Amino acid sequence: MRQIILDTETTGLDPNQGHRIIEVAAVEMVNRRLTGNHLHRYVNPDRDIDAGAMQVHGITPEFLQDKPRFSDVAQEFVDFIQGAELIIHNAPFDVGFLNMELRLLEMAPLATWCDGVTDTLAMAKALHPGQRNNLDALCKRYGVDNAARTLHGALLDCELLAAVYLALTRGQESLSIGLEARSTEASQAAARTRPRPVLLPASGEELSAHASLLEAIARESKGACLWDAEQGAV
């Protein structure tokens, strides 16, 4: 199973007001293990960044002046996420911005490229109702070290979210159940193919030798043999 943990940073809160993506990161996970493959790009939005947004992520317009536009990285981005399930914290926010960017380029929406979206914020709210469920709170709750997160950054947040997602979904793991089922099936198959044991009766000579041995033991034990006591009780 291929999953992509995804995050973006933006110039503001609302794509319908002309705000744009300025950073996008995507980290690959296959069968619940990070592969080391990732995509991380800063993007020149060709517009100002809200002061409130800069306080959150620390990215300035000056830093982005020489960075590519989203149009320059769009194909690389959709190729990277192609066919994967996306794992996003507060997914409606990022999906809304990504769909806006794709729409401006007359490209198909995000759902066309990926195999569904999982919102870890919705998952956390269902598991921990009435509690804080932002990424920092979840890191603290699940023992994920986020000491390096002084500002929001898309790539670091993806790596933290990957650890949080694995903790959130730990109860869904069924690898041991599958192994147990396969082990049972293998044992049953082996039992069906195992040959029946062959019974070899003792010869008269062997029976006579056995009886002589028992008599010798009985003499040495002066009648204290357990088998003699059992025969007398019958």
Protein backbone atom coordinates (compact mmCIF):
# COMPACT_ATOMS: atom_id res chain seq x y z
CA MET A 1 0.00 0.00 0.00
CA ARG A 2 1.51 3.33 -1.09
CA GLN A 3 0.63 6.45 0.90
CA ILE A 4 1.85 10.02 0.62
CA ILE A 5 1.98 12.29 3.67
CA LEU A 6 1.41 15.78 2.32
CA ASP A 7 1.56 19.36 3.57
CA THR A 8 1.58 22.87 2.13
CA GLU A 9 2.36 26.38 3.31
CA THR A 10 0.49 29.32 1.81
CA THR A 11 0.37 33.11 1.57
CA GLY A 12 -2.86 33.19 3.57
CA LEU A 13 -5.93 31.23 4.60
CA ASP A 14 -8.32 31.40 1.64
CA PRO A 15 -7.57 30.38 -1.96
CA ASN A 16 -10.81 32.08 -3.04
CA GLN A 17 -9.25 35.40 -2.03
CA GLY A 18 -6.26 34.85 -4.31
CA HIS A 19 -3.91 33.28 -1.79
CA ARG A 20 -1.38 30.85 -3.21
CA ILE A 21 0.80 27.91 -2.25
CA ILE A 22 4.41 28.82 -1.41
CA GLU A 23 5.71 25.43 -0.22
CA VAL A 24 4.64 21.86 -0.89
CA ALA A 25 6.09 18.67 0.57
CA ALA A 26 5.17 15.02 0.05
CA VAL A 27 6.76 12.05 1.84
CA GLU A 28 6.31 8.48 0.60
CA MET A 29 5.30 5.59 2.82
CA VAL A 30 4.85 2.01 1.56
CA ASN A 31 3.30 -0.68 3.77
CA ARG A 32 3.53 1.66 6.78
CA ARG A 33 7.26 2.29 6.33
CA LEU A 34 8.88 5.53 5.14
CA THR A 35 10.87 4.84 1.99
CA GLY A 36 13.08 7.93 2.05
CA ASN A 37 11.52 9.22 -1.19
CA HIS A 38 10.09 12.70 -0.92
CA LEU A 39 9.20 15.79 -2.94
CA HIS A 40 9.84 19.25 -1.50
CA ARG A 41 9.52 22.50 -3.42
CA TYR A 42 9.29 26.20 -2.54
CA VAL A 43 7.08 28.17 -4.93
CA ASN A 44 7.07 31.83 -5.95
CA PRO A 45 3.42 32.97 -5.58
CA ASP A 46 3.87 36.28 -7.45
CA ARG A 47 2.04 38.07 -4.65
CA ASP A 48 2.50 39.31 -1.09
CA ILE A 49 2.34 37.05 1.95
CA ASP A 50 0.03 37.93 4.84
CA ALA A 51 1.86 39.01 7.99
CA GLY A 52 -0.04 36.39 10.01
CA ALA A 53 1.05 33.65 7.64
CA MET A 54 4.70 34.74 7.83
CA GLN A 55 4.53 34.52 11.62
CA VAL A 56 3.43 30.88 11.26
CA HIS A 57 5.93 29.61 8.68
CA GLY A 58 8.63 32.31 8.53
CA ILE A 59 8.81 32.30 4.71
CA THR A 60 9.30 35.76 3.19
CA PRO A 61 8.61 37.09 -0.32
CA GLU A 62 12.32 37.85 -0.68
CA PHE A 63 13.23 34.20 -0.07
CA LEU A 64 10.79 33.10 -2.79
CA GLN A 65 11.86 35.56 -5.49
CA ASP A 66 14.12 33.09 -7.33
CA LYS A 67 11.94 30.01 -6.74
CA PRO A 68 9.90 28.30 -9.50
CA ARG A 69 6.19 28.98 -10.03
CA PHE A 70 3.66 26.26 -9.25
CA SER A 71 3.26 25.77 -12.99
CA ASP A 72 6.91 24.69 -13.09
CA VAL A 73 6.47 21.94 -10.45
CA ALA A 74 2.83 20.89 -11.03
CA GLN A 75 3.56 17.91 -13.30
CA GLU A 76 6.34 16.68 -11.05
CA PHE A 77 3.96 16.94 -8.11
CA VAL A 78 1.07 14.98 -9.66
CA ASP A 79 3.48 12.35 -10.96
CA PHE A 80 4.81 11.85 -7.43
CA ILE A 81 1.39 11.40 -5.83
CA GLN A 82 -0.05 9.37 -8.72
CA GLY A 83 -2.20 6.50 -7.45
CA ALA A 84 -1.34 6.93 -3.77
CA GLU A 85 -3.59 7.61 -0.78
CA LEU A 86 -2.90 11.09 0.59
CA ILE A 87 -2.53 11.59 4.35
CA ILE A 88 -3.11 15.24 5.28
CA HIS A 89 -3.76 17.05 8.57
CA ASN A 90 -6.77 19.31 8.10
CA ALA A 91 -7.13 18.03 4.55
CA PRO A 92 -9.82 20.47 3.31
CA PHE A 93 -7.33 23.34 3.66
CA ASP A 94 -4.52 21.77 1.60
CA VAL A 95 -6.88 20.12 -0.91
CA GLY A 96 -8.61 23.45 -1.50
CA PHE A 97 -5.33 25.21 -2.27
CA LEU A 98 -4.00 22.38 -4.45
CA ASN A 99 -7.23 22.20 -6.46
CA MET A 100 -7.10 25.95 -6.98
CA GLU A 101 -3.52 25.76 -8.28
CA LEU A 102 -4.39 22.86 -10.59
CA ARG A 103 -7.49 24.65 -11.83
CA LEU A 104 -5.46 27.76 -12.72
CA LEU A 105 -3.31 25.49 -14.91
CA GLU A 106 -6.39 23.81 -16.41
CA MET A 107 -5.24 20.50 -14.94
CA ALA A 108 -7.51 17.80 -13.46
CA PRO A 109 -8.34 18.13 -9.74
CA LEU A 110 -6.43 16.33 -7.02
CA ALA A 111 -8.89 13.42 -6.77
CA THR A 112 -8.03 12.46 -10.35
CA TRP A 113 -4.38 11.87 -9.46
CA CYS A 114 -4.59 10.21 -6.05
CA ASP A 115 -6.41 7.24 -4.54
CA GLY A 116 -8.37 9.10 -1.89
CA VAL A 117 -7.53 11.47 0.95
CA THR A 118 -7.37 10.69 4.69
CA ASP A 119 -7.74 13.61 7.08
CA THR A 120 -5.76 12.94 10.26
CA LEU A 121 -7.39 15.91 12.01
CA ALA A 122 -10.82 14.30 11.57
CA MET A 123 -9.38 10.99 12.80
CA ALA A 124 -7.87 12.63 15.87
CA LYS A 125 -11.10 14.47 16.72
CA ALA A 126 -13.00 11.19 16.56
CA LEU A 127 -10.46 9.49 18.84
CA HIS A 128 -9.94 12.42 21.23
CA PRO A 129 -13.15 14.51 21.26
CA GLY A 130 -12.97 17.81 23.10
CA GLN A 131 -9.15 17.83 23.16
CA ARG A 132 -6.56 19.82 21.24
CA ASN A 133 -5.75 17.91 18.08
CA ASN A 134 -3.31 20.14 16.22
CA LEU A 135 -0.02 18.57 15.16
CA ASP A 136 1.93 19.80 18.19
CA ALA A 137 -0.70 18.44 20.59
CA LEU A 138 -0.74 15.07 18.82
CA CYS A 139 3.06 14.85 18.88
CA LYS A 140 2.99 15.40 22.64
CA ARG A 141 0.15 12.89 23.12
CA TYR A 142 1.88 10.15 21.15
CA GLY A 143 5.46 10.84 22.23
CA VAL A 144 6.69 12.15 18.87
CA ASP A 145 9.74 14.43 19.24
CA ASN A 146 8.87 17.79 17.67
CA ALA A 147 11.57 19.88 19.36
CA ALA A 148 12.85 21.06 15.96
CA ARG A 149 9.45 22.51 15.02
CA THR A 150 9.83 26.16 16.02
CA LEU A 151 7.98 27.25 12.85
CA HIS A 152 5.66 25.44 10.47
CA GLY A 153 7.56 23.86 7.58
CA ALA A 154 5.97 21.54 5.06
CA LEU A 155 8.69 18.86 4.96
CA LEU A 156 9.25 18.65 8.72
CA ASP A 157 5.49 18.65 9.30
CA CYS A 158 5.12 15.73 6.87
CA GLU A 159 7.72 13.72 8.77
CA LEU A 160 6.03 14.45 12.10
CA LEU A 161 2.61 13.67 10.67
CA ALA A 162 3.86 10.32 9.40
CA ALA A 163 4.81 9.32 12.95
CA VAL A 164 1.51 10.62 14.33
CA TYR A 165 -0.49 8.79 11.64
CA LEU A 166 1.21 5.49 12.47
CA ALA A 167 0.34 6.04 16.14
CA LEU A 168 -3.27 6.97 15.32
CA THR A 169 -3.75 3.84 13.22
CA ARG A 170 -1.71 1.37 15.27
CA GLY A 171 -4.85 -0.58 16.20
CA GLN A 172 -5.61 -1.17 12.51
CA GLU A 173 -2.52 -3.31 11.99
CA SER A 174 -3.43 -6.88 11.13
CA LEU A 175 -0.07 -8.28 10.08
CA SER A 176 0.10 -10.74 12.99
CA ILE A 177 -3.42 -11.96 12.28
CA GLY A 178 -2.49 -12.63 8.68
CA LEU A 179 0.64 -14.49 9.71
CA GLU A 180 -1.33 -16.60 12.20
CA ALA A 181 -3.87 -17.49 9.55
CA ARG A 182 -1.16 -18.48 7.08
CA SER A 183 0.59 -20.53 9.81
CA THR A 184 -2.65 -22.38 10.61
CA GLU A 185 -3.28 -23.10 6.94
CA ALA A 186 0.27 -24.42 6.53
CA SER A 187 -0.10 -26.68 9.58
CA GLN A 188 -3.37 -28.07 8.28
CA ALA A 189 -1.85 -28.71 4.87
CA ALA A 190 1.14 -30.45 6.46
CA ALA A 191 -1.19 -32.62 8.54
CA ARG A 192 -3.11 -33.64 5.42
CA THR A 193 0.07 -34.66 3.61
CA ARG A 194 1.90 -36.28 6.58
CA PRO A 195 2.09 -40.13 6.20
CA ARG A 196 0.35 -42.31 8.79
CA PRO A 197 2.69 -43.99 11.32
CA VAL A 198 3.46 -47.67 10.73
CA LEU A 199 2.73 -50.02 13.68
CA LEU A 200 5.33 -52.82 14.01
CA PRO A 201 4.28 -55.56 16.53
CA ALA A 202 7.00 -57.09 18.77
CA SER A 203 8.17 -60.59 17.89
CA GLY A 204 7.86 -63.54 20.29
CA GLU A 205 11.57 -63.37 21.03
CA GLU A 206 11.29 -59.67 21.87
CA LEU A 207 8.28 -60.26 24.15
CA SER A 208 10.13 -63.05 25.99
CA ALA A 209 13.20 -60.84 26.50
CA HIS A 210 10.98 -58.01 27.79
CA ALA A 211 9.27 -60.36 30.30
CA SER A 212 12.65 -61.61 31.57
CA LEU A 213 13.81 -58.01 32.08
CA LEU A 214 10.70 -57.16 34.09
CA GLU A 215 11.18 -60.23 36.31
CA ALA A 216 14.79 -59.25 37.01
CA ILE A 217 13.72 -55.72 37.95
CA ALA A 218 10.98 -57.08 40.21
CA ARG A 219 13.47 -59.29 42.06
CA GLU A 220 15.89 -56.40 42.58
CA SER A 221 13.12 -54.13 43.87
CA LYS A 222 11.72 -56.83 46.15
CA GLY A 223 8.19 -56.49 44.83
CA ALA A 224 8.11 -52.64 44.87
CA CYS A 225 7.53 -52.30 41.11
CA LEU A 226 4.69 -49.94 40.20
CA TRP A 227 3.40 -52.18 37.43
CA ASP A 228 3.01 -55.08 39.88
CA ALA A 229 1.01 -52.87 42.23
CA GLU A 230 -1.25 -51.71 39.35
CA GLN A 231 -1.85 -55.32 38.24
CA GLY A 232 -2.83 -56.29 41.78
CA ALA A 233 -5.33 -53.44 41.96
CA VAL A 234 -7.11 -54.45 38.77
